[in-house]
C-alpha atoms as a PDB file:
ATOM      1  CA  MET A   1     -39.284 101.821 150.858  1.00  0.00           C
ATOM      2  CA  LEU A   2     -39.017 103.205 147.343  1.00  0.00           C
ATOM      3  CA  SER A   3     -39.521 106.800 148.493  1.00  0.00           C
ATOM      4  CA  SER A   4     -36.777 106.507 151.121  1.00  0.00           C
ATOM      5  CA  ARG A   5     -34.316 105.315 148.459  1.00  0.00           C
ATOM      6  CA  ILE A   6     -35.166 108.286 146.278  1.00  0.00           C
ATOM      7  CA  VAL A   7     -34.653 110.660 149.187  1.00  0.00           C
ATOM      8  CA  LEU A   8     -31.327 109.053 150.059  1.00  0.00           C
ATOM      9  CA  ARG A   9     -30.211 109.244 146.443  1.00  0.00           C
ATOM     10  CA  ARG A  10     -31.121 112.924 146.284  1.00  0.00           C
ATOM     11  CA  GLU A  11     -29.273 113.651 149.527  1.00  0.00           C
ATOM     12  CA  ARG A  12     -26.251 111.736 148.309  1.00  0.00           C
ATOM     13  CA  ALA A  13     -26.342 113.621 145.004  1.00  0.00           C
ATOM     14  CA  ILE A  14     -26.537 116.938 146.850  1.00  0.00           C
ATOM     15  CA  VAL A  15     -23.594 115.982 149.055  1.00  0.00           C
ATOM     16  CA  GLU A  16     -21.566 114.874 146.023  1.00  0.00           C
ATOM     17  CA  GLN A  17     -22.368 118.105 144.182  1.00  0.00           C
ATOM     18  CA  ARG A  18     -21.320 120.158 147.206  1.00  0.00           C
ATOM     19  CA  ASP A  19     -18.088 118.173 147.591  1.00  0.00           C
ATOM     20  CA  ASN A  20     -17.303 118.581 143.888  1.00  0.00           C
ATOM     21  CA  PHE A  21     -17.965 122.318 144.130  1.00  0.00           C
ATOM     22  CA  LEU A  22     -15.701 122.660 147.173  1.00  0.00           C
ATOM     23  CA  ASN A  23     -12.953 120.659 145.488  1.00  0.00           C
ATOM     24  CA  ARG A  24     -13.144 122.873 142.385  1.00  0.00           C
ATOM     25  CA  GLN A  25     -13.070 126.013 144.539  1.00  0.00           C
ATOM     26  CA  ARG A  26     -10.120 124.700 146.532  1.00  0.00           C
ATOM     27  CA  MET A  27      -8.217 123.822 143.355  1.00  0.00           C
ATOM     28  CA  SER A  28      -9.014 127.198 141.802  1.00  0.00           C
ATOM     29  CA  PHE A  29      -7.827 129.028 144.917  1.00  0.00           C
ATOM     30  CA  SER A  30      -4.674 126.934 145.055  1.00  0.00           C
ATOM     31  CA  LEU A  31      -3.828 127.670 141.415  1.00  0.00           C
ATOM     32  CA  GLY A  32      -4.492 131.368 141.962  1.00  0.00           C
ATOM     33  CA  ALA A  33      -2.315 131.440 145.070  1.00  0.00           C
ATOM     34  CA  ASP A  34       0.500 129.666 143.226  1.00  0.00           C
ATOM     35  CA  ALA A  35       0.325 132.172 140.367  1.00  0.00           C
ATOM     36  CA  LEU A  36       0.291 135.093 142.804  1.00  0.00           C
ATOM     37  CA  SER A  37       3.266 133.668 144.687  1.00  0.00           C
ATOM     38  CA  TYR A  38       5.183 133.212 141.419  1.00  0.00           C
ATOM     39  CA  ASP A  39       4.421 136.792 140.348  1.00  0.00           C
ATOM     40  CA  ALA A  40       5.513 138.114 143.745  1.00  0.00           C
ATOM     41  CA  ARG A  41       8.843 136.298 143.418  1.00  0.00           C
ATOM     42  CA  LEU A  42       9.344 137.790 139.936  1.00  0.00           C
ATOM     43  CA  VAL A  43       8.669 141.294 141.242  1.00  0.00           C
ATOM     44  CA  ALA A  44      11.037 140.765 144.179  1.00  0.00           C
ATOM     45  CA  ALA A  45      13.772 139.549 141.824  1.00  0.00           C
ATOM     46  CA  ARG A  46      13.306 142.586 139.571  1.00  0.00           C
ATOM     47  CA  LEU A  47      13.463 144.922 142.564  1.00  0.00           C
ATOM     48  CA  ASP A  48      16.716 143.290 143.653  1.00  0.00           C
ATOM     49  CA  VAL A  49      18.202 143.877 140.188  1.00  0.00           C
ATOM     50  CA  VAL A  50      17.077 147.514 140.177  1.00  0.00           C
ATOM     51  CA  ARG A  51      18.435 148.054 143.695  1.00  0.00           C
ATOM     52  CA  GLU A  52      21.808 146.535 142.775  1.00  0.00           C
ATOM     53  CA  SER A  53      22.142 148.631 139.620  1.00  0.00           C
ATOM     54  CA  TYR A  54      21.151 151.782 141.538  1.00  0.00           C
ATOM     55  CA  ASP A  55      23.718 151.014 144.258  1.00  0.00           C
ATOM     56  CA  ARG A  56      26.443 150.654 141.596  1.00  0.00           C
ATOM     57  CA  GLN A  57      25.616 154.047 140.064  1.00  0.00           C
ATOM     58  CA  GLU A  58      25.989 156.002 143.313  1.00  0.00           C
ATOM     59  CA  PRO A  59      29.514 157.330 143.980  1.00  0.00           C
END
């Protein structure tokens, strides 16, 4: 009986470690995707400004 409890505790600990790892990876990916999306919007806004100023300069 004691050995089965130890095994179950180890399995539970492994599952919890895996879940924690996946949650950290998911959060890290989400933060990275948010930052990338923000940077892409900044670049798009800058390109719009450049395009507008270029269009104004042409006769």
